[in-house]
Amino acid sequence: MGGSISRRVSRKGTSPSRRSAREKNDIVRALNNRASIQIELGKLGAARSSLREALELLPAQGQDSTRARTLFYLARTSGAGASSIEHLERAVECAERSGMEELTWKCLTDLGELYLAHGDTAKSYSLQHRAIVSIESLRRLAGSGEMRRRIPDPVLVPYERIVSLILTRKGGAGDVKEAFSYTERRRAQRLASLLREAMDRAGAAATTGCSNVSETLCRGSLL
């Protein structure tokens, strides 16, 4: 995994200045994938190097989905400082423009944690709430079983974070009630997911049964 991906491509005969937009985007995706692995391995310096290389290859405008992922990973390598906040705020904008709901909520909840670390509980609460709205919107849009399987489940982090935020207030009856409402919303999401999975399985079984009947009828007609 060592060395620059873009330099290795250049050695194959294509100069950086003459690469097509598609080639550059493919390289950026490869750099993002490498950075993701480096982050998992705790190699944050190496990941930052990969991601900065990716940003240099991206055009000034466009490719929001790729840029959002690059900025999201870059924030994860940059600690809790102002640069991480800036990276995530840009990532949210790009993810929202490109309709990447899953990445949107991840950016929002991480951004909320950064604002909390800086003492801005009101901003943190607002961001965690936006993350939850994004998650619930994503689940409503997930019509197919395949799409639902791509959604992480259980998605607990923003719910846990907002409940923790609410309960660090004065702890009055209103706060407890609000915290409980978020707990119930998460439970409802989980139960709805289980119900949809059961419906998917039932539908698959019905389809298989119909196929078997059709095959039997075909065999009978040939006798």
C-alpha atoms as a PDB file:
ATOM      1  CA  MET A   1       0.000   0.000   0.000  1.00  0.00           C
ATOM      2  CA  GLY A   2       3.050   2.314  -0.002  1.00  0.00           C
ATOM      3  CA  GLY A   3       3.743   5.106  -2.457  1.00  0.00           C
ATOM      4  CA  SER A   4       1.541   7.488  -4.365  1.00  0.00           C
ATOM      5  CA  ILE A   5      -1.207   5.897  -6.431  1.00  0.00           C
ATOM      6  CA  SER A   6      -1.223   8.819  -8.865  1.00  0.00           C
ATOM      7  CA  ARG A   7       2.553   8.605  -9.359  1.00  0.00           C
ATOM      8  CA  ARG A   8       2.301   4.884 -10.036  1.00  0.00           C
ATOM      9  CA  VAL A   9      -0.327   5.623 -12.693  1.00  0.00           C
ATOM     10  CA  SER A  10       1.957   8.289 -14.202  1.00  0.00           C
ATOM     11  CA  ARG A  11       4.778   5.775 -14.542  1.00  0.00           C
ATOM     12  CA  LYS A  12       2.445   3.715 -16.740  1.00  0.00           C
ATOM     13  CA  GLY A  13       2.555   6.452 -19.370  1.00  0.00           C
ATOM     14  CA  THR A  14      -0.179   8.999 -18.576  1.00  0.00           C
ATOM     15  CA  SER A  15       1.045  12.366 -17.295  1.00  0.00           C
ATOM     16  CA  PRO A  16      -0.978  13.978 -14.469  1.00  0.00           C
ATOM     17  CA  SER A  17      -1.865  16.984 -16.653  1.00  0.00           C
ATOM     18  CA  ARG A  18      -3.292  14.801 -19.438  1.00  0.00           C
ATOM     19  CA  ARG A  19      -5.391  12.424 -17.361  1.00  0.00           C
ATOM     20  CA  SER A  20      -9.094  12.410 -18.103  1.00  0.00           C
ATOM     21  CA  ALA A  21     -11.606  13.391 -15.438  1.00  0.00           C
ATOM     22  CA  ARG A  22     -12.669   9.753 -15.222  1.00  0.00           C
ATOM     23  CA  GLU A  23      -9.095   8.573 -14.635  1.00  0.00           C
ATOM     24  CA  LYS A  24      -8.603  11.156 -11.910  1.00  0.00           C
ATOM     25  CA  ASN A  25     -11.864  10.171 -10.246  1.00  0.00           C
ATOM     26  CA  ASP A  26     -10.837   6.504 -10.281  1.00  0.00           C
ATOM     27  CA  ILE A  27      -7.534   7.423  -8.618  1.00  0.00           C
ATOM     28  CA  VAL A  28      -9.329   9.510  -5.985  1.00  0.00           C
ATOM     29  CA  ARG A  29     -11.653   6.603  -5.203  1.00  0.00           C
ATOM     30  CA  ALA A  30      -8.637   4.316  -4.812  1.00  0.00           C
ATOM     31  CA  LEU A  31      -6.966   6.854  -2.519  1.00  0.00           C
ATOM     32  CA  ASN A  32     -10.154   7.130  -0.438  1.00  0.00           C
ATOM     33  CA  ASN A  33     -10.328   3.345  -0.109  1.00  0.00           C
ATOM     34  CA  ARG A  34      -6.691   3.182   0.926  1.00  0.00           C
ATOM     35  CA  ALA A  35      -7.170   5.974   3.470  1.00  0.00           C
ATOM     36  CA  SER A  36     -10.170   4.159   4.957  1.00  0.00           C
ATOM     37  CA  ILE A  37      -8.007   1.082   5.567  1.00  0.00           C
ATOM     38  CA  GLN A  38      -5.163   3.202   6.938  1.00  0.00           C
ATOM     39  CA  ILE A  39      -7.561   4.865   9.399  1.00  0.00           C
ATOM     40  CA  GLU A  40      -8.786   1.459  10.568  1.00  0.00           C
ATOM     41  CA  LEU A  41      -5.153   0.446  11.135  1.00  0.00           C
ATOM     42  CA  GLY A  42      -4.456   3.642  13.089  1.00  0.00           C
ATOM     43  CA  LYS A  43      -2.071   5.006  10.427  1.00  0.00           C
ATOM     44  CA  LEU A  44      -3.516   8.513  10.498  1.00  0.00           C
ATOM     45  CA  GLY A  45      -0.487  10.281   9.026  1.00  0.00           C
ATOM     46  CA  ALA A  46      -0.436   7.961   6.027  1.00  0.00           C
ATOM     47  CA  ALA A  47      -4.204   8.391   5.614  1.00  0.00           C
ATOM     48  CA  ARG A  48      -3.865  12.188   5.648  1.00  0.00           C
ATOM     49  CA  SER A  49      -1.209  11.962   2.939  1.00  0.00           C
ATOM     50  CA  SER A  50      -3.503   9.801   0.763  1.00  0.00           C
ATOM     51  CA  LEU A  51      -6.445  12.149   1.256  1.00  0.00           C
ATOM     52  CA  ARG A  52      -4.490  15.324   0.522  1.00  0.00           C
ATOM     53  CA  GLU A  53      -3.325  13.701  -2.690  1.00  0.00           C
ATOM     54  CA  ALA A  54      -6.963  12.908  -3.466  1.00  0.00           C
ATOM     55  CA  LEU A  55      -8.048  16.520  -2.892  1.00  0.00           C
ATOM     56  CA  GLU A  56      -5.339  17.769  -5.260  1.00  0.00           C
ATOM     57  CA  LEU A  57      -6.757  15.576  -8.017  1.00  0.00           C
ATOM     58  CA  LEU A  58     -10.370  16.656  -7.562  1.00  0.00           C
ATOM     59  CA  PRO A  59     -11.639  19.514  -9.758  1.00  0.00           C
ATOM     60  CA  ALA A  60     -12.623  22.834  -8.191  1.00  0.00           C
ATOM     61  CA  GLN A  61     -16.315  22.083  -8.840  1.00  0.00           C
ATOM     62  CA  GLY A  62     -18.365  18.895  -9.161  1.00  0.00           C
ATOM     63  CA  GLN A  63     -17.794  15.285  -8.068  1.00  0.00           C
ATOM     64  CA  ASP A  64     -19.539  16.044  -4.790  1.00  0.00           C
ATOM     65  CA  SER A  65     -20.025  12.416  -3.779  1.00  0.00           C
ATOM     66  CA  THR A  66     -16.313  11.621  -4.078  1.00  0.00           C
ATOM     67  CA  ARG A  67     -15.278  14.906  -2.450  1.00  0.00           C
ATOM     68  CA  ALA A  68     -17.659  14.323   0.467  1.00  0.00           C
ATOM     69  CA  ARG A  69     -16.052  10.967   1.244  1.00  0.00           C
ATOM     70  CA  THR A  70     -12.541  12.425   0.991  1.00  0.00           C
ATOM     71  CA  LEU A  71     -13.412  15.254   3.407  1.00  0.00           C
ATOM     72  CA  PHE A  72     -15.185  12.875   5.806  1.00  0.00           C
ATOM     73  CA  TYR A  73     -12.101  10.665   6.072  1.00  0.00           C
ATOM     74  CA  LEU A  74      -9.808  13.691   6.294  1.00  0.00           C
ATOM     75  CA  ALA A  75     -11.751  14.980   9.301  1.00  0.00           C
ATOM     76  CA  ARG A  76     -11.244  11.628  11.000  1.00  0.00           C
ATOM     77  CA  THR A  77      -7.487  12.052  10.717  1.00  0.00           C
ATOM     78  CA  SER A  78      -7.399  15.651  11.995  1.00  0.00           C
ATOM     79  CA  GLY A  79      -8.346  15.432  15.680  1.00  0.00           C
ATOM     80  CA  ALA A  80     -10.928  17.723  17.276  1.00  0.00           C
ATOM     81  CA  GLY A  81      -9.639  21.045  15.986  1.00  0.00           C
ATOM     82  CA  ALA A  82     -11.149  23.680  13.736  1.00  0.00           C
ATOM     83  CA  SER A  83      -9.840  21.957  10.604  1.00  0.00           C
ATOM     84  CA  SER A  84     -11.942  18.852  11.336  1.00  0.00           C
ATOM     85  CA  ILE A  85     -15.034  21.007  11.756  1.00  0.00           C
ATOM     86  CA  GLU A  86     -14.312  22.752   8.461  1.00  0.00           C
ATOM     87  CA  HIS A  87     -13.771  19.425   6.654  1.00  0.00           C
ATOM     88  CA  LEU A  88     -17.032  17.965   7.989  1.00  0.00           C
ATOM     89  CA  GLU A  89     -19.097  21.062   7.239  1.00  0.00           C
ATOM     90  CA  ARG A  90     -17.888  20.937   3.626  1.00  0.00           C
ATOM     91  CA  ALA A  91     -18.502  17.174   3.551  1.00  0.00           C
ATOM     92  CA  VAL A  92     -22.108  17.654   4.705  1.00  0.00           C
ATOM     93  CA  GLU A  93     -22.731  20.183   1.932  1.00  0.00           C
ATOM     94  CA  CYS A  94     -21.280  17.857  -0.711  1.00  0.00           C
ATOM     95  CA  ALA A  95     -23.077  14.773   0.627  1.00  0.00           C
ATOM     96  CA  GLU A  96     -26.432  16.587   0.700  1.00  0.00           C
ATOM     97  CA  ARG A  97     -25.997  17.914  -2.832  1.00  0.00           C
ATOM     98  CA  SER A  98     -25.238  14.419  -4.123  1.00  0.00           C
ATOM     99  CA  GLY A  99     -28.047  12.728  -2.164  1.00  0.00           C
ATOM    100  CA  MET A 100     -25.716  10.600  -0.019  1.00  0.00           C
ATOM    101  CA  GLU A 101     -27.985  10.265   3.004  1.00  0.00           C
ATOM    102  CA  GLU A 102     -25.876   7.601   4.714  1.00  0.00           C
ATOM    103  CA  LEU A 103     -22.717   9.718   4.564  1.00  0.00           C
ATOM    104  CA  THR A 104     -24.720  12.815   5.470  1.00  0.00           C
ATOM    105  CA  TRP A 105     -25.827  11.446   8.840  1.00  0.00           C
ATOM    106  CA  LYS A 106     -22.335  10.142   9.604  1.00  0.00           C
ATOM    107  CA  CYS A 107     -20.859  13.591   8.942  1.00  0.00           C
ATOM    108  CA  LEU A 108     -23.578  15.304  10.966  1.00  0.00           C
ATOM    109  CA  THR A 109     -23.190  13.115  14.051  1.00  0.00           C
ATOM    110  CA  ASP A 110     -19.382  13.412  14.013  1.00  0.00           C
ATOM    111  CA  LEU A 111     -19.712  17.176  13.544  1.00  0.00           C
ATOM    112  CA  GLY A 112     -22.066  17.282  16.518  1.00  0.00           C
ATOM    113  CA  GLU A 113     -19.452  15.543  18.665  1.00  0.00           C
ATOM    114  CA  LEU A 114     -16.826  18.083  17.618  1.00  0.00           C
ATOM    115  CA  TYR A 115     -19.049  21.026  18.553  1.00  0.00           C
ATOM    116  CA  LEU A 116     -19.771  19.330  21.877  1.00  0.00           C
ATOM    117  CA  ALA A 117     -16.019  19.021  22.490  1.00  0.00           C
ATOM    118  CA  HIS A 118     -15.820  22.791  21.904  1.00  0.00           C
ATOM    119  CA  GLY A 119     -18.606  23.419  24.434  1.00  0.00           C
ATOM    120  CA  ASP A 120     -21.403  24.292  21.996  1.00  0.00           C
ATOM    121  CA  THR A 121     -24.141  21.969  23.247  1.00  0.00           C
ATOM    122  CA  ALA A 122     -26.934  23.760  21.349  1.00  0.00           C
ATOM    123  CA  LYS A 123     -25.149  23.302  18.017  1.00  0.00           C
ATOM    124  CA  SER A 124     -24.313  19.697  18.908  1.00  0.00           C
ATOM    125  CA  TYR A 125     -27.975  18.970  19.696  1.00  0.00           C
ATOM    126  CA  SER A 126     -29.099  20.503  16.392  1.00  0.00           C
ATOM    127  CA  LEU A 127     -26.611  18.408  14.409  1.00  0.00           C
ATOM    128  CA  GLN A 128     -27.512  15.149  16.157  1.00  0.00           C
ATOM    129  CA  HIS A 129     -31.192  15.856  15.480  1.00  0.00           C
ATOM    130  CA  ARG A 130     -30.408  16.469  11.790  1.00  0.00           C
ATOM    131  CA  ALA A 131     -28.487  13.176  11.688  1.00  0.00           C
ATOM    132  CA  ILE A 132     -31.517  11.327  13.079  1.00  0.00           C
ATOM    133  CA  VAL A 133     -33.841  12.989  10.553  1.00  0.00           C
ATOM    134  CA  SER A 134     -31.466  11.893   7.795  1.00  0.00           C
ATOM    135  CA  ILE A 135     -31.413   8.291   9.084  1.00  0.00           C
ATOM    136  CA  GLU A 136     -35.194   8.108   9.293  1.00  0.00           C
ATOM    137  CA  SER A 137     -35.545   9.632   5.820  1.00  0.00           C
ATOM    138  CA  LEU A 138     -33.098   7.050   4.472  1.00  0.00           C
ATOM    139  CA  ARG A 139     -35.111   4.197   5.944  1.00  0.00           C
ATOM    140  CA  ARG A 140     -38.336   5.513   4.431  1.00  0.00           C
ATOM    141  CA  LEU A 141     -36.662   5.696   1.026  1.00  0.00           C
ATOM    142  CA  ALA A 142     -35.238   2.180   1.325  1.00  0.00           C
ATOM    143  CA  GLY A 143     -37.904   0.314  -0.568  1.00  0.00           C
ATOM    144  CA  SER A 144     -36.005  -2.774  -1.626  1.00  0.00           C
ATOM    145  CA  GLY A 145     -34.510  -5.443   0.570  1.00  0.00           C
ATOM    146  CA  GLU A 146     -31.118  -4.901  -1.057  1.00  0.00           C
ATOM    147  CA  MET A 147     -31.187  -1.193  -0.256  1.00  0.00           C
ATOM    148  CA  ARG A 148     -32.144  -1.855   3.342  1.00  0.00           C
ATOM    149  CA  ARG A 149     -29.302  -4.309   3.734  1.00  0.00           C
ATOM    150  CA  ARG A 150     -26.904  -1.502   2.783  1.00  0.00           C
ATOM    151  CA  ILE A 151     -28.128   0.641   5.691  1.00  0.00           C
ATOM    152  CA  PRO A 152     -26.157  -0.043   8.882  1.00  0.00           C
ATOM    153  CA  ASP A 153     -28.398  -1.589  11.495  1.00  0.00           C
ATOM    154  CA  PRO A 154     -28.632  -0.823  14.282  1.00  0.00           C
ATOM    155  CA  VAL A 155     -27.786   2.866  13.678  1.00  0.00           C
ATOM    156  CA  LEU A 156     -27.579   3.796  17.335  1.00  0.00           C
ATOM    157  CA  VAL A 157     -24.882   6.439  17.600  1.00  0.00           C
ATOM    158  CA  PRO A 158     -26.847   9.673  16.900  1.00  0.00           C
ATOM    159  CA  TYR A 159     -29.732   8.506  19.119  1.00  0.00           C
ATOM    160  CA  GLU A 160     -27.360   7.693  21.976  1.00  0.00           C
ATOM    161  CA  ARG A 161     -25.555  11.000  21.589  1.00  0.00           C
ATOM    162  CA  ILE A 162     -28.685  13.136  21.567  1.00  0.00           C
ATOM    163  CA  VAL A 163     -30.146  11.302  24.574  1.00  0.00           C
ATOM    164  CA  SER A 164     -26.878  11.896  26.431  1.00  0.00           C
ATOM    165  CA  LEU A 165     -27.000  15.580  25.506  1.00  0.00           C
ATOM    166  CA  ILE A 166     -30.592  15.954  26.695  1.00  0.00           C
ATOM    167  CA  LEU A 167     -29.896  14.255  30.012  1.00  0.00           C
ATOM    168  CA  THR A 168     -26.904  16.514  30.743  1.00  0.00           C
ATOM    169  CA  ARG A 169     -29.280  19.468  30.959  1.00  0.00           C
ATOM    170  CA  LYS A 170     -31.052  20.222  34.223  1.00  0.00           C
ATOM    171  CA  GLY A 171     -32.751  16.857  34.016  1.00  0.00           C
ATOM    172  CA  GLY A 172     -36.310  18.110  34.439  1.00  0.00           C
ATOM    173  CA  ALA A 173     -39.399  16.171  33.533  1.00  0.00           C
ATOM    174  CA  GLY A 174     -39.462  17.724  30.061  1.00  0.00           C
ATOM    175  CA  ASP A 175     -35.897  16.603  29.364  1.00  0.00           C
ATOM    176  CA  VAL A 176     -36.600  13.049  30.478  1.00  0.00           C
ATOM    177  CA  LYS A 177     -39.702  12.953  28.293  1.00  0.00           C
ATOM    178  CA  GLU A 178     -37.766  14.205  25.266  1.00  0.00           C
ATOM    179  CA  ALA A 179     -34.950  11.701  25.847  1.00  0.00           C
ATOM    180  CA  PHE A 180     -37.514   8.917  26.110  1.00  0.00           C
ATOM    181  CA  SER A 181     -39.113  10.013  22.819  1.00  0.00           C
ATOM    182  CA  TYR A 182     -35.786   9.596  20.992  1.00  0.00           C
ATOM    183  CA  THR A 183     -35.343   6.190  22.603  1.00  0.00           C
ATOM    184  CA  GLU A 184     -38.785   5.176  21.316  1.00  0.00           C
ATOM    185  CA  ARG A 185     -38.030   6.514  17.844  1.00  0.00           C
ATOM    186  CA  ARG A 186     -34.936   4.316  17.685  1.00  0.00           C
ATOM    187  CA  ARG A 187     -36.915   1.301  18.892  1.00  0.00           C
ATOM    188  CA  ALA A 188     -39.593   1.980  16.267  1.00  0.00           C
ATOM    189  CA  GLN A 189     -36.916   2.091  13.560  1.00  0.00           C
ATOM    190  CA  ARG A 190     -35.541  -1.263  14.663  1.00  0.00           C
ATOM    191  CA  LEU A 191     -38.963  -2.934  14.839  1.00  0.00           C
ATOM    192  CA  ALA A 192     -39.915  -1.567  11.418  1.00  0.00           C
ATOM    193  CA  SER A 193     -36.657  -2.944  10.023  1.00  0.00           C
ATOM    194  CA  LEU A 194     -37.361  -6.392  11.456  1.00  0.00           C
ATOM    195  CA  LEU A 195     -40.883  -6.328  10.019  1.00  0.00           C
ATOM    196  CA  ARG A 196     -39.616  -5.377   6.555  1.00  0.00           C
ATOM    197  CA  GLU A 197     -37.001  -8.139   6.677  1.00  0.00           C
ATOM    198  CA  ALA A 198     -39.720 -10.665   7.538  1.00  0.00           C
ATOM    199  CA  MET A 199     -41.855  -9.366   4.652  1.00  0.00           C
ATOM    200  CA  ASP A 200     -38.883  -9.678   2.297  1.00  0.00           C
ATOM    201  CA  ARG A 201     -38.334 -13.277   3.349  1.00  0.00           C
ATOM    202  CA  ALA A 202     -42.031 -14.063   2.928  1.00  0.00           C
ATOM    203  CA  GLY A 203     -42.008 -12.460  -0.516  1.00  0.00           C
ATOM    204  CA  ALA A 204     -38.920 -14.426  -1.554  1.00  0.00           C
ATOM    205  CA  ALA A 205     -40.517 -17.654  -0.344  1.00  0.00           C
ATOM    206  CA  ALA A 206     -43.701 -16.885  -2.272  1.00  0.00           C
ATOM    207  CA  THR A 207     -41.675 -16.162  -5.422  1.00  0.00           C
ATOM    208  CA  THR A 208     -39.761 -19.424  -5.028  1.00  0.00           C
ATOM    209  CA  GLY A 209     -43.040 -21.305  -4.516  1.00  0.00           C
ATOM    210  CA  CYS A 210     -44.544 -19.815  -7.668  1.00  0.00           C
ATOM    211  CA  SER A 211     -41.413 -20.713  -9.636  1.00  0.00           C
ATOM    212  CA  ASN A 212     -41.609 -24.306  -8.401  1.00  0.00           C
ATOM    213  CA  VAL A 213     -45.297 -24.562  -9.357  1.00  0.00           C
ATOM    214  CA  SER A 214     -44.577 -23.120 -12.798  1.00  0.00           C
ATOM    215  CA  GLU A 215     -41.723 -25.582 -13.334  1.00  0.00           C
ATOM    216  CA  THR A 216     -43.965 -28.512 -12.268  1.00  0.00           C
ATOM    217  CA  LEU A 217     -46.706 -27.422 -14.659  1.00  0.00           C
ATOM    218  CA  CYS A 218     -44.211 -27.118 -17.488  1.00  0.00           C
ATOM    219  CA  ARG A 219     -42.866 -30.578 -16.835  1.00  0.00           C
ATOM    220  CA  GLY A 220     -46.450 -31.938 -16.759  1.00  0.00           C
ATOM    221  CA  SER A 221     -47.309 -30.372 -20.085  1.00  0.00           C
ATOM    222  CA  LEU A 222     -44.316 -32.061 -21.681  1.00  0.00           C
ATOM    223  CA  LEU A 223     -45.324 -35.539 -20.524  1.00  0.00           C
END
